[in-house]
Amino acid sequence: MISIQNLSKTFKKNTVIRNLNLDIQEGLITALVGPNGSGKTTLLKCILGLTFPSKESKLLLAGFEYLKQAELYEIGYMPQVPLFPQNLKVKEILEILETLEKKNPIFKEKLFLELEINKFENKYFGELSGGMKQKVNILQCFGAEKKFYIIDEPTASLDPHISFYLKNLIKERKIGGSSILFTSHIMSEVDEIADRVIVMVEGKLILHETPSEILAKSQTSNMEAALRSYWMKEGKHA
């Protein structure tokens, strides 16, 4: 479980997250949603250790105080935009990433073939289309088995076929015992794969419930309408 206690983050007097308390349950697919500027990306960066929250904040992963013991716990991370060196070939990037990976990438060969990366492994990363870059991004994130995966806008730049593949891959990792936290602006995607939904508005936690609970409370027929109406209303008081 990821346990976030009293987490705040300020950039140059601008408070992005305010006293956030949140438990993300283990073994579930959890969606993190909210309007632009709500603090979602900052929260992910805090969990990943890419930025540090206020001194009063505490962040626990499976009982470890992660900000002090980050080396004890590994997280698979798929950023929205993969920023690998443009002047390296795909196969060179994968070779470098494999040397940095602490765990045996037991799924690498399977993903390599299913994503058909062999068709462009000799191309320079800067020559690839957005979809091809995302295939490399999928492989680097899911090549090794991790307890937690964090994914920022998972289906960005993907065609329907690979989008379907990735969503099934996420579900497979959940069945295998992993926990997944992802952000998305595609509410149908949230409704389709999320077990729980976290809603943030202006740096505050507004909602943490199942998709069915959100739909029932909002009395709407789809997640997009439910969340839009909810955070527009609640945002005025955030």
C-alpha atoms as a PDB file:
ATOM      1  CA  MET A   1       0.000   0.000   0.000  1.00  0.00           C
ATOM      2  CA  ILE A   2       1.088   3.576  -0.678  1.00  0.00           C
ATOM      3  CA  SER A   3       0.301   5.721   2.356  1.00  0.00           C
ATOM      4  CA  ILE A   4       0.585   9.490   1.928  1.00  0.00           C
ATOM      5  CA  GLN A   5       0.400  11.553   5.092  1.00  0.00           C
ATOM      6  CA  ASN A   6       0.144  15.333   5.340  1.00  0.00           C
ATOM      7  CA  LEU A   7       1.843  15.841   1.979  1.00  0.00           C
ATOM      8  CA  SER A   8       2.296  19.415   0.788  1.00  0.00           C
ATOM      9  CA  LYS A   9       4.408  20.869  -1.999  1.00  0.00           C
ATOM     10  CA  THR A  10       5.134  24.525  -2.735  1.00  0.00           C
ATOM     11  CA  PHE A  11       6.961  26.023  -5.707  1.00  0.00           C
ATOM     12  CA  LYS A  12       8.064  29.650  -5.191  1.00  0.00           C
ATOM     13  CA  LYS A  13       5.223  30.423  -2.746  1.00  0.00           C
ATOM     14  CA  ASN A  14       2.712  28.654  -4.999  1.00  0.00           C
ATOM     15  CA  THR A  15       1.226  25.729  -3.058  1.00  0.00           C
ATOM     16  CA  VAL A  16       0.525  22.943  -5.538  1.00  0.00           C
ATOM     17  CA  ILE A  17      -0.561  20.260  -3.039  1.00  0.00           C
ATOM     18  CA  ARG A  18      -2.185  21.041   0.311  1.00  0.00           C
ATOM     19  CA  ASN A  19      -2.014  18.625   3.276  1.00  0.00           C
ATOM     20  CA  LEU A  20      -2.876  15.538   1.248  1.00  0.00           C
ATOM     21  CA  ASN A  21      -3.738  12.361   3.156  1.00  0.00           C
ATOM     22  CA  LEU A  22      -4.332   9.317   1.008  1.00  0.00           C
ATOM     23  CA  ASP A  23      -4.014   5.527   1.122  1.00  0.00           C
ATOM     24  CA  ILE A  24      -3.698   3.785  -2.242  1.00  0.00           C
ATOM     25  CA  GLN A  25      -4.728   0.167  -1.816  1.00  0.00           C
ATOM     26  CA  GLU A  26      -2.466  -2.661  -2.877  1.00  0.00           C
ATOM     27  CA  GLY A  27      -3.389  -4.965  -5.749  1.00  0.00           C
ATOM     28  CA  LEU A  28      -5.727  -2.509  -7.481  1.00  0.00           C
ATOM     29  CA  ILE A  29      -5.704  -0.275 -10.552  1.00  0.00           C
ATOM     30  CA  THR A  30      -6.158   3.279  -9.321  1.00  0.00           C
ATOM     31  CA  ALA A  31      -6.836   6.265 -11.572  1.00  0.00           C
ATOM     32  CA  LEU A  32      -5.678   9.745 -10.608  1.00  0.00           C
ATOM     33  CA  VAL A  33      -7.771  12.399 -12.333  1.00  0.00           C
ATOM     34  CA  GLY A  34      -8.493  16.108 -12.152  1.00  0.00           C
ATOM     35  CA  PRO A  35      -8.356  19.272 -14.229  1.00  0.00           C
ATOM     36  CA  ASN A  36      -5.032  20.670 -15.455  1.00  0.00           C
ATOM     37  CA  GLY A  37      -3.095  22.256 -12.607  1.00  0.00           C
ATOM     38  CA  SER A  38      -4.721  20.103  -9.933  1.00  0.00           C
ATOM     39  CA  GLY A  39      -1.394  18.687  -8.695  1.00  0.00           C
ATOM     40  CA  LYS A  40      -1.542  15.216 -10.260  1.00  0.00           C
ATOM     41  CA  THR A  41       1.893  15.273 -11.895  1.00  0.00           C
ATOM     42  CA  THR A  42       3.474  16.797  -8.788  1.00  0.00           C
ATOM     43  CA  LEU A  43       2.001  14.007  -6.665  1.00  0.00           C
ATOM     44  CA  LEU A  44       3.432  11.373  -9.025  1.00  0.00           C
ATOM     45  CA  LYS A  45       6.839  13.054  -8.887  1.00  0.00           C
ATOM     46  CA  CYS A  46       6.730  13.032  -5.082  1.00  0.00           C
ATOM     47  CA  ILE A  47       5.916   9.308  -5.034  1.00  0.00           C
ATOM     48  CA  LEU A  48       8.732   8.627  -7.506  1.00  0.00           C
ATOM     49  CA  GLY A  49      11.222  10.720  -5.554  1.00  0.00           C
ATOM     50  CA  LEU A  50      11.723  13.121  -8.473  1.00  0.00           C
ATOM     51  CA  THR A  51      10.721  16.060  -6.299  1.00  0.00           C
ATOM     52  CA  PHE A  52      10.530  16.419  -2.540  1.00  0.00           C
ATOM     53  CA  PRO A  53       7.483  17.580  -0.572  1.00  0.00           C
ATOM     54  CA  SER A  54       7.520  19.642   2.628  1.00  0.00           C
ATOM     55  CA  LYS A  55       9.435  18.324   5.640  1.00  0.00           C
ATOM     56  CA  GLU A  56       6.212  17.456   7.447  1.00  0.00           C
ATOM     57  CA  SER A  57       5.163  15.082   4.679  1.00  0.00           C
ATOM     58  CA  LYS A  58       5.461  11.312   5.055  1.00  0.00           C
ATOM     59  CA  LEU A  59       5.239   8.778   2.248  1.00  0.00           C
ATOM     60  CA  LEU A  60       5.185   5.051   2.933  1.00  0.00           C
ATOM     61  CA  LEU A  61       5.380   2.234   0.389  1.00  0.00           C
ATOM     62  CA  ALA A  62       4.620  -1.194   1.830  1.00  0.00           C
ATOM     63  CA  GLY A  63       5.760   0.047   5.234  1.00  0.00           C
ATOM     64  CA  PHE A  64       8.996   1.669   4.057  1.00  0.00           C
ATOM     65  CA  GLU A  65       9.369   5.406   4.494  1.00  0.00           C
ATOM     66  CA  TYR A  66      10.059   5.828   0.806  1.00  0.00           C
ATOM     67  CA  LEU A  67      11.662   9.264   0.816  1.00  0.00           C
ATOM     68  CA  LYS A  68      14.357   7.937   3.171  1.00  0.00           C
ATOM     69  CA  GLN A  69      14.614   4.359   1.867  1.00  0.00           C
ATOM     70  CA  ALA A  70      13.919   4.707  -1.865  1.00  0.00           C
ATOM     71  CA  GLU A  71      16.558   2.118  -2.723  1.00  0.00           C
ATOM     72  CA  LEU A  72      14.525  -0.567  -0.923  1.00  0.00           C
ATOM     73  CA  TYR A  73      11.563  -0.345  -3.222  1.00  0.00           C
ATOM     74  CA  GLU A  74      11.339  -0.286  -6.991  1.00  0.00           C
ATOM     75  CA  ILE A  75       8.594   1.241  -9.110  1.00  0.00           C
ATOM     76  CA  GLY A  76       7.987   0.794 -12.820  1.00  0.00           C
ATOM     77  CA  TYR A  77       7.377   4.210 -14.388  1.00  0.00           C
ATOM     78  CA  MET A  78       5.942   5.067 -17.786  1.00  0.00           C
ATOM     79  CA  PRO A  79       6.066   8.847 -18.395  1.00  0.00           C
ATOM     80  CA  GLN A  80       3.642  10.522 -20.753  1.00  0.00           C
ATOM     81  CA  VAL A  81       6.510  11.595 -23.032  1.00  0.00           C
ATOM     82  CA  PRO A  82       9.561   9.292 -23.190  1.00  0.00           C
ATOM     83  CA  LEU A  83      12.660  11.497 -23.367  1.00  0.00           C
ATOM     84  CA  PHE A  84      15.288   9.020 -24.468  1.00  0.00           C
ATOM     85  CA  PRO A  85      18.369  10.274 -26.382  1.00  0.00           C
ATOM     86  CA  GLN A  86      17.348  11.162 -29.919  1.00  0.00           C
ATOM     87  CA  ASN A  87      20.731  10.142 -31.375  1.00  0.00           C
ATOM     88  CA  LEU A  88      20.707   6.576 -30.057  1.00  0.00           C
ATOM     89  CA  LYS A  89      19.186   3.598 -31.795  1.00  0.00           C
ATOM     90  CA  VAL A  90      16.292   1.810 -30.100  1.00  0.00           C
ATOM     91  CA  LYS A  91      18.383  -1.316 -29.486  1.00  0.00           C
ATOM     92  CA  GLU A  92      21.108   0.811 -27.868  1.00  0.00           C
ATOM     93  CA  ILE A  93      18.600   2.457 -25.545  1.00  0.00           C
ATOM     94  CA  LEU A  94      17.197  -0.929 -24.528  1.00  0.00           C
ATOM     95  CA  GLU A  95      20.690  -2.270 -23.855  1.00  0.00           C
ATOM     96  CA  ILE A  96      21.483   0.694 -21.604  1.00  0.00           C
ATOM     97  CA  LEU A  97      18.186   0.402 -19.739  1.00  0.00           C
ATOM     98  CA  GLU A  98      18.778  -3.299 -19.150  1.00  0.00           C
ATOM     99  CA  THR A  99      22.134  -2.582 -17.499  1.00  0.00           C
ATOM    100  CA  LEU A 100      20.384  -0.133 -15.154  1.00  0.00           C
ATOM    101  CA  GLU A 101      17.560  -2.522 -14.256  1.00  0.00           C
ATOM    102  CA  LYS A 102      18.095  -4.219 -10.891  1.00  0.00           C
ATOM    103  CA  LYS A 103      15.579  -6.978 -11.560  1.00  0.00           C
ATOM    104  CA  ASN A 104      15.689  -9.589 -14.304  1.00  0.00           C
ATOM    105  CA  PRO A 105      13.550  -8.217 -17.203  1.00  0.00           C
ATOM    106  CA  ILE A 106      11.611 -11.471 -17.502  1.00  0.00           C
ATOM    107  CA  PHE A 107       8.936  -9.959 -19.761  1.00  0.00           C
ATOM    108  CA  LYS A 108      11.312  -8.140 -22.126  1.00  0.00           C
ATOM    109  CA  GLU A 109      11.406 -10.751 -24.918  1.00  0.00           C
ATOM    110  CA  LYS A 110       7.647 -11.265 -24.877  1.00  0.00           C
ATOM    111  CA  LEU A 111       6.882  -7.542 -25.054  1.00  0.00           C
ATOM    112  CA  PHE A 112       9.595  -7.000 -27.658  1.00  0.00           C
ATOM    113  CA  LEU A 113       7.890  -9.471 -30.005  1.00  0.00           C
ATOM    114  CA  GLU A 114       4.290  -8.508 -29.251  1.00  0.00           C
ATOM    115  CA  LEU A 115       5.010  -4.804 -29.778  1.00  0.00           C
ATOM    116  CA  GLU A 116       6.992  -5.624 -32.938  1.00  0.00           C
ATOM    117  CA  ILE A 117       9.910  -3.488 -31.826  1.00  0.00           C
ATOM    118  CA  ASN A 118      12.158  -5.666 -33.984  1.00  0.00           C
ATOM    119  CA  LYS A 119      10.789  -3.755 -36.980  1.00  0.00           C
ATOM    120  CA  PHE A 120      12.412  -0.495 -35.845  1.00  0.00           C
ATOM    121  CA  GLU A 121      15.099  -1.479 -33.324  1.00  0.00           C
ATOM    122  CA  ASN A 122      17.833  -0.199 -35.675  1.00  0.00           C
ATOM    123  CA  LYS A 123      16.229   3.222 -36.097  1.00  0.00           C
ATOM    124  CA  TYR A 124      17.361   6.263 -34.132  1.00  0.00           C
ATOM    125  CA  PHE A 125      14.904   7.248 -31.420  1.00  0.00           C
ATOM    126  CA  GLY A 126      14.547  10.718 -32.921  1.00  0.00           C
ATOM    127  CA  GLU A 127      13.282   9.160 -36.171  1.00  0.00           C
ATOM    128  CA  LEU A 128      10.388   7.308 -34.556  1.00  0.00           C
ATOM    129  CA  SER A 129       6.719   8.217 -34.666  1.00  0.00           C
ATOM    130  CA  GLY A 130       4.924   9.013 -31.420  1.00  0.00           C
ATOM    131  CA  GLY A 131       3.375   5.548 -31.366  1.00  0.00           C
ATOM    132  CA  MET A 132       6.729   3.810 -31.849  1.00  0.00           C
ATOM    133  CA  LYS A 133       8.239   5.854 -29.015  1.00  0.00           C
ATOM    134  CA  GLN A 134       5.391   4.802 -26.756  1.00  0.00           C
ATOM    135  CA  LYS A 135       6.047   1.142 -27.597  1.00  0.00           C
ATOM    136  CA  VAL A 136       9.623   1.582 -26.342  1.00  0.00           C
ATOM    137  CA  ASN A 137       8.147   3.341 -23.298  1.00  0.00           C
ATOM    138  CA  ILE A 138       5.858   0.367 -22.604  1.00  0.00           C
ATOM    139  CA  LEU A 139       8.762  -2.063 -22.846  1.00  0.00           C
ATOM    140  CA  GLN A 140      11.035  -0.121 -20.502  1.00  0.00           C
ATOM    141  CA  CYS A 141       8.258   0.163 -17.904  1.00  0.00           C
ATOM    142  CA  PHE A 142       6.854  -3.367 -18.003  1.00  0.00           C
ATOM    143  CA  GLY A 143       9.923  -5.387 -19.027  1.00  0.00           C
ATOM    144  CA  ALA A 144      10.604  -6.363 -15.407  1.00  0.00           C
ATOM    145  CA  GLU A 145       8.080  -7.376 -12.774  1.00  0.00           C
ATOM    146  CA  LYS A 146       7.508  -4.618 -10.197  1.00  0.00           C
ATOM    147  CA  LYS A 147       5.239  -4.372  -7.187  1.00  0.00           C
ATOM    148  CA  PHE A 148       4.049  -0.912  -8.225  1.00  0.00           C
ATOM    149  CA  TYR A 149       3.669   0.715 -11.618  1.00  0.00           C
ATOM    150  CA  ILE A 150       3.038   4.422 -12.153  1.00  0.00           C
ATOM    151  CA  ILE A 151       1.795   5.438 -15.590  1.00  0.00           C
ATOM    152  CA  ASP A 152       1.207   8.986 -16.819  1.00  0.00           C
ATOM    153  CA  GLU A 153      -1.438   9.139 -19.589  1.00  0.00           C
ATOM    154  CA  PRO A 154      -0.885   5.522 -20.705  1.00  0.00           C
ATOM    155  CA  THR A 155      -2.585   5.591 -24.115  1.00  0.00           C
ATOM    156  CA  ALA A 156      -1.155   8.908 -25.333  1.00  0.00           C
ATOM    157  CA  SER A 157      -0.051   8.642 -29.003  1.00  0.00           C
ATOM    158  CA  LEU A 158      -1.220   5.032 -29.270  1.00  0.00           C
ATOM    159  CA  ASP A 159      -3.422   3.673 -32.023  1.00  0.00           C
ATOM    160  CA  PRO A 160      -6.524   1.680 -30.935  1.00  0.00           C
ATOM    161  CA  HIS A 161      -4.765  -1.679 -31.338  1.00  0.00           C
ATOM    162  CA  ILE A 162      -1.819  -0.857 -29.043  1.00  0.00           C
ATOM    163  CA  SER A 163      -4.084   1.056 -26.661  1.00  0.00           C
ATOM    164  CA  PHE A 164      -6.144  -2.120 -26.254  1.00  0.00           C
ATOM    165  CA  TYR A 165      -2.923  -4.112 -25.782  1.00  0.00           C
ATOM    166  CA  LEU A 166      -1.638  -1.771 -23.058  1.00  0.00           C
ATOM    167  CA  LYS A 167      -4.896  -1.763 -21.107  1.00  0.00           C
ATOM    168  CA  ASN A 168      -4.898  -5.566 -21.129  1.00  0.00           C
ATOM    169  CA  LEU A 169      -1.250  -5.556 -20.031  1.00  0.00           C
ATOM    170  CA  ILE A 170      -2.159  -3.344 -17.071  1.00  0.00           C
ATOM    171  CA  LYS A 171      -4.954  -5.730 -16.122  1.00  0.00           C
ATOM    172  CA  GLU A 172      -2.573  -8.694 -16.400  1.00  0.00           C
ATOM    173  CA  ARG A 173      -0.089  -7.089 -14.014  1.00  0.00           C
ATOM    174  CA  LYS A 174      -2.889  -6.476 -11.537  1.00  0.00           C
ATOM    175  CA  ILE A 175      -3.852 -10.169 -11.711  1.00  0.00           C
ATOM    176  CA  GLY A 176      -0.179 -10.965 -11.106  1.00  0.00           C
ATOM    177  CA  GLY A 177      -0.306  -9.033  -7.823  1.00  0.00           C
ATOM    178  CA  SER A 178       1.006  -5.616  -8.863  1.00  0.00           C
ATOM    179  CA  SER A 179      -0.571  -2.275  -8.010  1.00  0.00           C
ATOM    180  CA  ILE A 180      -1.026   0.330 -10.736  1.00  0.00           C
ATOM    181  CA  LEU A 181      -1.530   4.083 -10.386  1.00  0.00           C
ATOM    182  CA  PHE A 182      -2.249   5.967 -13.599  1.00  0.00           C
ATOM    183  CA  THR A 183      -3.372   9.402 -14.741  1.00  0.00           C
ATOM    184  CA  SER A 184      -5.681   9.952 -17.675  1.00  0.00           C
ATOM    185  CA  HIS A 185      -7.847  12.588 -19.302  1.00  0.00           C
ATOM    186  CA  ILE A 186      -9.821   9.865 -21.080  1.00  0.00           C
ATOM    187  CA  MET A 187     -12.715   9.133 -18.752  1.00  0.00           C
ATOM    188  CA  SER A 188     -13.929   6.102 -20.698  1.00  0.00           C
ATOM    189  CA  GLU A 189     -10.477   4.606 -20.065  1.00  0.00           C
ATOM    190  CA  VAL A 190     -10.818   5.321 -16.352  1.00  0.00           C
ATOM    191  CA  ASP A 191     -14.250   3.700 -16.275  1.00  0.00           C
ATOM    192  CA  GLU A 192     -12.952   0.690 -18.197  1.00  0.00           C
ATOM    193  CA  ILE A 193      -9.900  -0.315 -16.171  1.00  0.00           C
ATOM    194  CA  ALA A 194      -9.862   1.514 -12.802  1.00  0.00           C
ATOM    195  CA  ASP A 195     -10.912  -0.171  -9.557  1.00  0.00           C
ATOM    196  CA  ARG A 196     -10.649   3.110  -7.644  1.00  0.00           C
ATOM    197  CA  VAL A 197     -10.618   6.756  -8.730  1.00  0.00           C
ATOM    198  CA  ILE A 198      -8.795   9.582  -6.963  1.00  0.00           C
ATOM    199  CA  VAL A 199     -10.003  13.073  -7.845  1.00  0.00           C
ATOM    200  CA  MET A 200      -7.784  16.082  -7.140  1.00  0.00           C
ATOM    201  CA  VAL A 201      -8.782  19.730  -7.557  1.00  0.00           C
ATOM    202  CA  GLU A 202      -6.451  22.659  -6.827  1.00  0.00           C
ATOM    203  CA  GLY A 203      -4.039  20.476  -4.863  1.00  0.00           C
ATOM    204  CA  LYS A 204      -6.642  18.852  -2.618  1.00  0.00           C
ATOM    205  CA  LEU A 205      -8.146  15.387  -2.466  1.00  0.00           C
ATOM    206  CA  ILE A 206     -11.813  15.689  -3.416  1.00  0.00           C
ATOM    207  CA  LEU A 207     -12.850  12.091  -3.946  1.00  0.00           C
ATOM    208  CA  HIS A 208     -11.509   8.531  -3.626  1.00  0.00           C
ATOM    209  CA  GLU A 209     -14.137   5.961  -4.571  1.00  0.00           C
ATOM    210  CA  THR A 210     -14.985   3.230  -7.071  1.00  0.00           C
ATOM    211  CA  PRO A 211     -16.267   4.214 -10.536  1.00  0.00           C
ATOM    212  CA  SER A 212     -19.696   2.742  -9.759  1.00  0.00           C
ATOM    213  CA  GLU A 213     -19.951   4.784  -6.553  1.00  0.00           C
ATOM    214  CA  ILE A 214     -19.074   7.962  -8.428  1.00  0.00           C
ATOM    215  CA  LEU A 215     -21.685   7.295 -11.116  1.00  0.00           C
ATOM    216  CA  ALA A 216     -24.355   6.497  -8.517  1.00  0.00           C
ATOM    217  CA  LYS A 217     -23.702   9.677  -6.531  1.00  0.00           C
ATOM    218  CA  SER A 218     -23.595  11.929  -9.582  1.00  0.00           C
ATOM    219  CA  GLN A 219     -26.671  10.291 -11.159  1.00  0.00           C
ATOM    220  CA  THR A 220     -24.996  10.428 -14.570  1.00  0.00           C
ATOM    221  CA  SER A 221     -24.501   7.687 -17.137  1.00  0.00           C
ATOM    222  CA  ASN A 222     -20.784   8.094 -17.847  1.00  0.00           C
ATOM    223  CA  MET A 223     -17.572   8.924 -16.003  1.00  0.00           C
ATOM    224  CA  GLU A 224     -16.775  12.019 -18.079  1.00  0.00           C
ATOM    225  CA  ALA A 225     -20.033  13.744 -17.164  1.00  0.00           C
ATOM    226  CA  ALA A 226     -19.795  12.625 -13.535  1.00  0.00           C
ATOM    227  CA  LEU A 227     -16.267  13.866 -12.880  1.00  0.00           C
ATOM    228  CA  ARG A 228     -16.621  17.063 -14.861  1.00  0.00           C
ATOM    229  CA  SER A 229     -19.692  18.134 -12.923  1.00  0.00           C
ATOM    230  CA  TYR A 230     -18.150  17.015  -9.654  1.00  0.00           C
ATOM    231  CA  TRP A 231     -14.846  18.850  -9.866  1.00  0.00           C
ATOM    232  CA  MET A 232     -16.429  21.987 -11.291  1.00  0.00           C
ATOM    233  CA  LYS A 233     -18.697  22.121  -8.250  1.00  0.00           C
ATOM    234  CA  GLU A 234     -16.144  21.084  -5.654  1.00  0.00           C
ATOM    235  CA  GLY A 235     -13.339  23.137  -7.151  1.00  0.00           C
ATOM    236  CA  LYS A 236     -15.022  26.322  -6.001  1.00  0.00           C
ATOM    237  CA  HIS A 237     -14.463  25.199  -2.417  1.00  0.00           C
ATOM    238  CA  ALA A 238     -11.057  23.554  -2.805  1.00  0.00           C
END
